[in-house]
Amino acid sequence: MFLVFWLLFLFHLRILDGIPKVYCYGANKTVNIIVMELLGKSLEAIFNRQAKKMNLKSVCVIGYEMVFFY
């Protein structure tokens, strides 16, 4: 059921920039699978590249984008 909700959510947001394209999806009794576009480096990769330190401005920008992304 959650897979269907997530796919509908992505389907309705597909017209916006920054929403990943869904290539394939499927489910069985125990596993739900969605194959989607990778949009760039993960926050973990960026955090590790910065020697596990981020300045206050970077944290605020990430937080702002997470809250006000539409």
PDB file of N, CA and C in Angstrom:
ATOM      1  N   MET A   1       0.823  -1.198   0.000  1.00  0.00           N
ATOM      2  CA  MET A   1       0.000   0.000   0.000  1.00  0.00           C
ATOM      3  C   MET A   1       0.867   1.262   0.000  1.00  0.00           C
ATOM      4  N   PHE A   2       1.960   1.238   0.768  1.00  0.00           N
ATOM      5  CA  PHE A   2       2.840   2.401   0.825  1.00  0.00           C
ATOM      6  C   PHE A   2       3.477   2.660  -0.535  1.00  0.00           C
ATOM      7  N   LEU A   3       3.795   1.604  -1.275  1.00  0.00           N
ATOM      8  CA  LEU A   3       4.392   1.754  -2.602  1.00  0.00           C
ATOM      9  C   LEU A   3       3.456   2.527  -3.521  1.00  0.00           C
ATOM     10  N   VAL A   4       2.191   2.208  -3.487  1.00  0.00           N
ATOM     11  CA  VAL A   4       1.206   2.900  -4.333  1.00  0.00           C
ATOM     12  C   VAL A   4       1.135   4.378  -3.953  1.00  0.00           C
ATOM     13  N   PHE A   5       1.110   4.675  -2.653  1.00  0.00           N
ATOM     14  CA  PHE A   5       1.079   6.067  -2.198  1.00  0.00           C
ATOM     15  C   PHE A   5       2.310   6.827  -2.697  1.00  0.00           C
ATOM     16  N   TRP A   6       3.478   6.237  -2.540  1.00  0.00           N
ATOM     17  CA  TRP A   6       4.727   6.887  -2.940  1.00  0.00           C
ATOM     18  C   TRP A   6       4.760   7.119  -4.446  1.00  0.00           C
ATOM     19  N   LEU A   7       4.302   6.146  -5.237  1.00  0.00           N
ATOM     20  CA  LEU A   7       4.282   6.308  -6.688  1.00  0.00           C
ATOM     21  C   LEU A   7       3.303   7.411  -7.116  1.00  0.00           C
ATOM     22  N   LEU A   8       2.146   7.487  -6.482  1.00  0.00           N
ATOM     23  CA  LEU A   8       1.204   8.563  -6.791  1.00  0.00           C
ATOM     24  C   LEU A   8       1.777   9.920  -6.420  1.00  0.00           C
ATOM     25  N   PHE A   9       2.471   9.987  -5.296  1.00  0.00           N
ATOM     26  CA  PHE A   9       3.119  11.220  -4.863  1.00  0.00           C
ATOM     27  C   PHE A   9       4.145  11.674  -5.901  1.00  0.00           C
ATOM     28  N   LEU A  10       5.002  10.770  -6.347  1.00  0.00           N
ATOM     29  CA  LEU A  10       6.009  11.109  -7.359  1.00  0.00           C
ATOM     30  C   LEU A  10       5.357  11.452  -8.695  1.00  0.00           C
ATOM     31  N   PHE A  11       4.281  10.760  -9.036  1.00  0.00           N
ATOM     32  CA  PHE A  11       3.583  11.018 -10.295  1.00  0.00           C
ATOM     33  C   PHE A  11       3.037  12.445 -10.330  1.00  0.00           C
ATOM     34  N   HIS A  12       2.454  12.903  -9.234  1.00  0.00           N
ATOM     35  CA  HIS A  12       1.886  14.246  -9.196  1.00  0.00           C
ATOM     36  C   HIS A  12       2.956  15.336  -9.142  1.00  0.00           C
ATOM     37  N   LEU A  13       4.136  15.017  -8.642  1.00  0.00           N
ATOM     38  CA  LEU A  13       5.210  16.009  -8.547  1.00  0.00           C
ATOM     39  C   LEU A  13       6.179  15.965  -9.718  1.00  0.00           C
ATOM     40  N   ARG A  14       5.956  15.094 -10.689  1.00  0.00           N
ATOM     41  CA  ARG A  14       6.922  14.889 -11.772  1.00  0.00           C
ATOM     42  C   ARG A  14       7.160  16.124 -12.628  1.00  0.00           C
ATOM     43  N   ILE A  15       6.251  17.096 -12.619  1.00  0.00           N
ATOM     44  CA  ILE A  15       6.415  18.291 -13.438  1.00  0.00           C
ATOM     45  C   ILE A  15       7.415  19.279 -12.835  1.00  0.00           C
ATOM     46  N   LEU A  16       7.770  19.089 -11.571  1.00  0.00           N
ATOM     47  CA  LEU A  16       8.696  20.001 -10.898  1.00  0.00           C
ATOM     48  C   LEU A  16      10.139  19.587 -11.139  1.00  0.00           C
ATOM     49  N   ASP A  17      11.025  20.561 -11.167  1.00  0.00           N
ATOM     50  CA  ASP A  17      12.457  20.275 -11.254  1.00  0.00           C
ATOM     51  C   ASP A  17      12.920  19.636  -9.958  1.00  0.00           C
ATOM     52  N   GLY A  18      13.828  18.685 -10.057  1.00  0.00           N
ATOM     53  CA  GLY A  18      14.402  18.063  -8.876  1.00  0.00           C
ATOM     54  C   GLY A  18      13.663  16.828  -8.394  1.00  0.00           C
ATOM     55  N   ILE A  19      12.592  16.432  -9.062  1.00  0.00           N
ATOM     56  CA  ILE A  19      11.867  15.216  -8.693  1.00  0.00           C
ATOM     57  C   ILE A  19      12.419  14.075  -9.538  1.00  0.00           C
ATOM     58  N   PRO A  20      12.835  12.972  -8.914  1.00  0.00           N
ATOM     59  CA  PRO A  20      13.437  11.881  -9.679  1.00  0.00           C
ATOM     60  C   PRO A  20      12.432  11.181 -10.582  1.00  0.00           C
ATOM     61  N   LYS A  21      12.911  10.726 -11.726  1.00  0.00           N
ATOM     62  CA  LYS A  21      12.094   9.972 -12.668  1.00  0.00           C
ATOM     63  C   LYS A  21      12.021   8.515 -12.204  1.00  0.00           C
ATOM     64  N   VAL A  22      10.825   7.946 -12.198  1.00  0.00           N
ATOM     65  CA  VAL A  22      10.642   6.541 -11.815  1.00  0.00           C
ATOM     66  C   VAL A  22      10.733   5.697 -13.084  1.00  0.00           C
ATOM     67  N   TYR A  23      11.648   4.731 -13.092  1.00  0.00           N
ATOM     68  CA  TYR A  23      11.845   3.874 -14.254  1.00  0.00           C
ATOM     69  C   TYR A  23      11.025   2.592 -14.174  1.00  0.00           C
ATOM     70  N   CYS A  24      10.902   2.053 -12.977  1.00  0.00           N
ATOM     71  CA  CYS A  24      10.264   0.760 -12.829  1.00  0.00           C
ATOM     72  C   CYS A  24       9.846   0.586 -11.377  1.00  0.00           C
ATOM     73  N   TYR A  25       8.818  -0.205 -11.144  1.00  0.00           N
ATOM     74  CA  TYR A  25       8.397  -0.489  -9.783  1.00  0.00           C
ATOM     75  C   TYR A  25       7.749  -1.863  -9.740  1.00  0.00           C
ATOM     76  N   GLY A  26       7.699  -2.433  -8.564  1.00  0.00           N
ATOM     77  CA  GLY A  26       7.079  -3.738  -8.402  1.00  0.00           C
ATOM     78  C   GLY A  26       6.987  -4.106  -6.934  1.00  0.00           C
ATOM     79  N   ALA A  27       6.214  -5.141  -6.666  1.00  0.00           N
ATOM     80  CA  ALA A  27       6.031  -5.591  -5.287  1.00  0.00           C
ATOM     81  C   ALA A  27       5.707  -7.073  -5.285  1.00  0.00           C
ATOM     82  N   ASN A  28       6.086  -7.710  -4.193  1.00  0.00           N
ATOM     83  CA  ASN A  28       5.623  -9.062  -3.929  1.00  0.00           C
ATOM     84  C   ASN A  28       5.169  -9.102  -2.475  1.00  0.00           C
ATOM     85  N   LYS A  29       5.046 -10.251  -1.893  1.00  0.00           N
ATOM     86  CA  LYS A  29       4.501 -10.355  -0.540  1.00  0.00           C
ATOM     87  C   LYS A  29       5.363  -9.677   0.522  1.00  0.00           C
ATOM     88  N   THR A  30       6.677  -9.644   0.323  1.00  0.00           N
ATOM     89  CA  THR A  30       7.562  -9.135   1.375  1.00  0.00           C
ATOM     90  C   THR A  30       8.371  -7.901   0.993  1.00  0.00           C
ATOM     91  N   VAL A  31       8.475  -7.589  -0.305  1.00  0.00           N
ATOM     92  CA  VAL A  31       9.383  -6.525  -0.738  1.00  0.00           C
ATOM     93  C   VAL A  31       8.686  -5.594  -1.720  1.00  0.00           C
ATOM     94  N   ASN A  32       8.882  -4.280  -1.534  1.00  0.00           N
ATOM     95  CA  ASN A  32       8.470  -3.262  -2.503  1.00  0.00           C
ATOM     96  C   ASN A  32       9.727  -2.694  -3.142  1.00  0.00           C
ATOM     97  N   ILE A  33       9.700  -2.492  -4.458  1.00  0.00           N
ATOM     98  CA  ILE A  33      10.881  -2.009  -5.169  1.00  0.00           C
ATOM     99  C   ILE A  33      10.489  -0.846  -6.067  1.00  0.00           C
ATOM    100  N   ILE A  34      11.270   0.232  -6.007  1.00  0.00           N
ATOM    101  CA  ILE A  34      11.143   1.349  -6.937  1.00  0.00           C
ATOM    102  C   ILE A  34      12.539   1.628  -7.489  1.00  0.00           C
ATOM    103  N   VAL A  35      12.674   1.660  -8.814  1.00  0.00           N
ATOM    104  CA  VAL A  35      13.935   2.023  -9.458  1.00  0.00           C
ATOM    105  C   VAL A  35      13.745   3.432  -9.988  1.00  0.00           C
ATOM    106  N   MET A  36      14.546   4.363  -9.433  1.00  0.00           N
ATOM    107  CA  MET A  36      14.384   5.768  -9.818  1.00  0.00           C
ATOM    108  C   MET A  36      15.728   6.412 -10.083  1.00  0.00           C
ATOM    109  N   GLU A  37      15.667   7.565 -10.685  1.00  0.00           N
ATOM    110  CA  GLU A  37      16.833   8.336 -11.065  1.00  0.00           C
ATOM    111  C   GLU A  37      17.598   8.825  -9.830  1.00  0.00           C
ATOM    112  N   LEU A  38      18.908   8.769  -9.892  1.00  0.00           N
ATOM    113  CA  LEU A  38      19.762   9.320  -8.843  1.00  0.00           C
ATOM    114  C   LEU A  38      20.038  10.779  -9.195  1.00  0.00           C
ATOM    115  N   LEU A  39      19.770  11.687  -8.278  1.00  0.00           N
ATOM    116  CA  LEU A  39      19.854  13.113  -8.583  1.00  0.00           C
ATOM    117  C   LEU A  39      21.207  13.746  -8.311  1.00  0.00           C
ATOM    118  N   GLY A  40      22.083  13.035  -7.683  1.00  0.00           N
ATOM    119  CA  GLY A  40      23.391  13.610  -7.384  1.00  0.00           C
ATOM    120  C   GLY A  40      23.992  12.918  -6.184  1.00  0.00           C
ATOM    121  N   LYS A  41      25.017  13.512  -5.648  1.00  0.00           N
ATOM    122  CA  LYS A  41      25.662  12.929  -4.475  1.00  0.00           C
ATOM    123  C   LYS A  41      24.739  13.007  -3.270  1.00  0.00           C
ATOM    124  N   SER A  42      24.835  12.016  -2.405  1.00  0.00           N
ATOM    125  CA  SER A  42      24.020  12.015  -1.193  1.00  0.00           C
ATOM    126  C   SER A  42      24.610  13.000  -0.179  1.00  0.00           C
ATOM    127  N   LEU A  43      23.778  13.382   0.769  1.00  0.00           N
ATOM    128  CA  LEU A  43      24.269  14.260   1.836  1.00  0.00           C
ATOM    129  C   LEU A  43      25.380  13.579   2.625  1.00  0.00           C
ATOM    130  N   GLU A  44      25.281  12.266   2.768  1.00  0.00           N
ATOM    131  CA  GLU A  44      26.330  11.539   3.485  1.00  0.00           C
ATOM    132  C   GLU A  44      27.668  11.651   2.766  1.00  0.00           C
ATOM    133  N   ALA A  45      27.679  11.538   1.444  1.00  0.00           N
ATOM    134  CA  ALA A  45      28.925  11.653   0.682  1.00  0.00           C
ATOM    135  C   ALA A  45      29.518  13.055   0.809  1.00  0.00           C
ATOM    136  N   ILE A  46      28.673  14.058   0.744  1.00  0.00           N
ATOM    137  CA  ILE A  46      29.150  15.437   0.888  1.00  0.00           C
ATOM    138  C   ILE A  46      29.682  15.670   2.298  1.00  0.00           C
ATOM    139  N   PHE A  47      28.971  15.163   3.297  1.00  0.00           N
ATOM    140  CA  PHE A  47      29.387  15.308   4.692  1.00  0.00           C
ATOM    141  C   PHE A  47      30.743  14.639   4.925  1.00  0.00           C
ATOM    142  N   ASN A  48      30.927  13.438   4.388  1.00  0.00           N
ATOM    143  CA  ASN A  48      32.207  12.730   4.545  1.00  0.00           C
ATOM    144  C   ASN A  48      33.332  13.448   3.812  1.00  0.00           C
ATOM    145  N   ARG A  49      33.050  14.029   2.648  1.00  0.00           N
ATOM    146  CA  ARG A  49      34.068  14.763   1.895  1.00  0.00           C
ATOM    147  C   ARG A  49      34.538  15.998   2.654  1.00  0.00           C
ATOM    148  N   GLN A  50      33.655  16.575   3.470  1.00  0.00           N
ATOM    149  CA  GLN A  50      33.978  17.766   4.246  1.00  0.00           C
ATOM    150  C   GLN A  50      34.613  17.414   5.596  1.00  0.00           C
ATOM    151  N   ALA A  51      35.157  16.233   5.718  1.00  0.00           N
ATOM    152  CA  ALA A  51      35.786  15.764   6.963  1.00  0.00           C
ATOM    153  C   ALA A  51      34.767  15.747   8.108  1.00  0.00           C
ATOM    154  N   LYS A  52      33.531  15.404   7.784  1.00  0.00           N
ATOM    155  CA  LYS A  52      32.432  15.279   8.750  1.00  0.00           C
ATOM    156  C   LYS A  52      32.168  16.568   9.521  1.00  0.00           C
ATOM    157  N   LYS A  53      32.351  17.693   8.825  1.00  0.00           N
ATOM    158  CA  LYS A  53      32.047  18.997   9.412  1.00  0.00           C
ATOM    159  C   LYS A  53      31.314  19.829   8.376  1.00  0.00           C
ATOM    160  N   MET A  54      30.270  20.524   8.804  1.00  0.00           N
ATOM    161  CA  MET A  54      29.555  21.465   7.942  1.00  0.00           C
ATOM    162  C   MET A  54      29.383  22.763   8.710  1.00  0.00           C
ATOM    163  N   ASN A  55      29.526  23.861   7.986  1.00  0.00           N
ATOM    164  CA  ASN A  55      29.352  25.144   8.669  1.00  0.00           C
ATOM    165  C   ASN A  55      27.862  25.435   8.849  1.00  0.00           C
ATOM    166  N   LEU A  56      27.557  26.411   9.654  1.00  0.00           N
ATOM    167  CA  LEU A  56      26.180  26.750   9.996  1.00  0.00           C
ATOM    168  C   LEU A  56      25.373  27.148   8.763  1.00  0.00           C
ATOM    169  N   LYS A  57      25.988  27.868   7.841  1.00  0.00           N
ATOM    170  CA  LYS A  57      25.278  28.295   6.633  1.00  0.00           C
ATOM    171  C   LYS A  57      24.820  27.082   5.821  1.00  0.00           C
ATOM    172  N   SER A  58      25.687  26.086   5.648  1.00  0.00           N
ATOM    173  CA  SER A  58      25.331  24.886   4.893  1.00  0.00           C
ATOM    174  C   SER A  58      24.170  24.146   5.541  1.00  0.00           C
ATOM    175  N   VAL A  59      24.198  24.013   6.838  1.00  0.00           N
ATOM    176  CA  VAL A  59      23.122  23.329   7.558  1.00  0.00           C
ATOM    177  C   VAL A  59      21.809  24.098   7.405  1.00  0.00           C
ATOM    178  N   CYS A  60      21.862  25.415   7.498  1.00  0.00           N
ATOM    179  CA  CYS A  60      20.650  26.232   7.349  1.00  0.00           C
ATOM    180  C   CYS A  60      20.089  26.142   5.935  1.00  0.00           C
ATOM    181  N   VAL A  61      20.948  26.157   4.933  1.00  0.00           N
ATOM    182  CA  VAL A  61      20.485  26.049   3.541  1.00  0.00           C
ATOM    183  C   VAL A  61      19.837  24.693   3.302  1.00  0.00           C
ATOM    184  N   ILE A  62      20.446  23.625   3.782  1.00  0.00           N
ATOM    185  CA  ILE A  62      19.871  22.282   3.628  1.00  0.00           C
ATOM    186  C   ILE A  62      18.526  22.199   4.342  1.00  0.00           C
ATOM    187  N   GLY A  63      18.449  22.709   5.546  1.00  0.00           N
ATOM    188  CA  GLY A  63      17.189  22.702   6.290  1.00  0.00           C
ATOM    189  C   GLY A  63      16.108  23.503   5.586  1.00  0.00           C
ATOM    190  N   TYR A  64      16.456  24.662   5.086  1.00  0.00           N
ATOM    191  CA  TYR A  64      15.500  25.506   4.374  1.00  0.00           C
ATOM    192  C   TYR A  64      14.965  24.784   3.144  1.00  0.00           C
ATOM    193  N   GLU A  65      15.868  24.174   2.370  1.00  0.00           N
ATOM    194  CA  GLU A  65      15.450  23.465   1.162  1.00  0.00           C
ATOM    195  C   GLU A  65      14.568  22.260   1.475  1.00  0.00           C
ATOM    196  N   MET A  66      14.832  21.603   2.585  1.00  0.00           N
ATOM    197  CA  MET A  66      14.001  20.456   2.973  1.00  0.00           C
ATOM    198  C   MET A  66      12.600  20.899   3.375  1.00  0.00           C
ATOM    199  N   VAL A  67      12.482  22.035   4.024  1.00  0.00           N
ATOM    200  CA  VAL A  67      11.171  22.502   4.496  1.00  0.00           C
ATOM    201  C   VAL A  67      10.387  23.174   3.380  1.00  0.00           C
ATOM    202  N   PHE A  68      11.042  24.001   2.555  1.00  0.00           N
ATOM    203  CA  PHE A  68      10.333  24.805   1.589  1.00  0.00           C
ATOM    204  C   PHE A  68      10.456  24.304   0.146  1.00  0.00           C
ATOM    205  N   PHE A  69      10.864  23.066  -0.054  1.00  0.00           N
ATOM    206  CA  PHE A  69      10.947  22.508  -1.408  1.00  0.00           C
ATOM    207  C   PHE A  69       9.553  22.197  -1.915  1.00  0.00           C
ATOM    208  N   TYR A  70       9.215  22.687  -3.069  1.00  0.00           N
ATOM    209  CA  TYR A  70       7.903  22.399  -3.668  1.00  0.00           C
ATOM    210  C   TYR A  70       8.017  22.207  -5.140  1.00  0.00           C
TER     211      TYR A  70
END
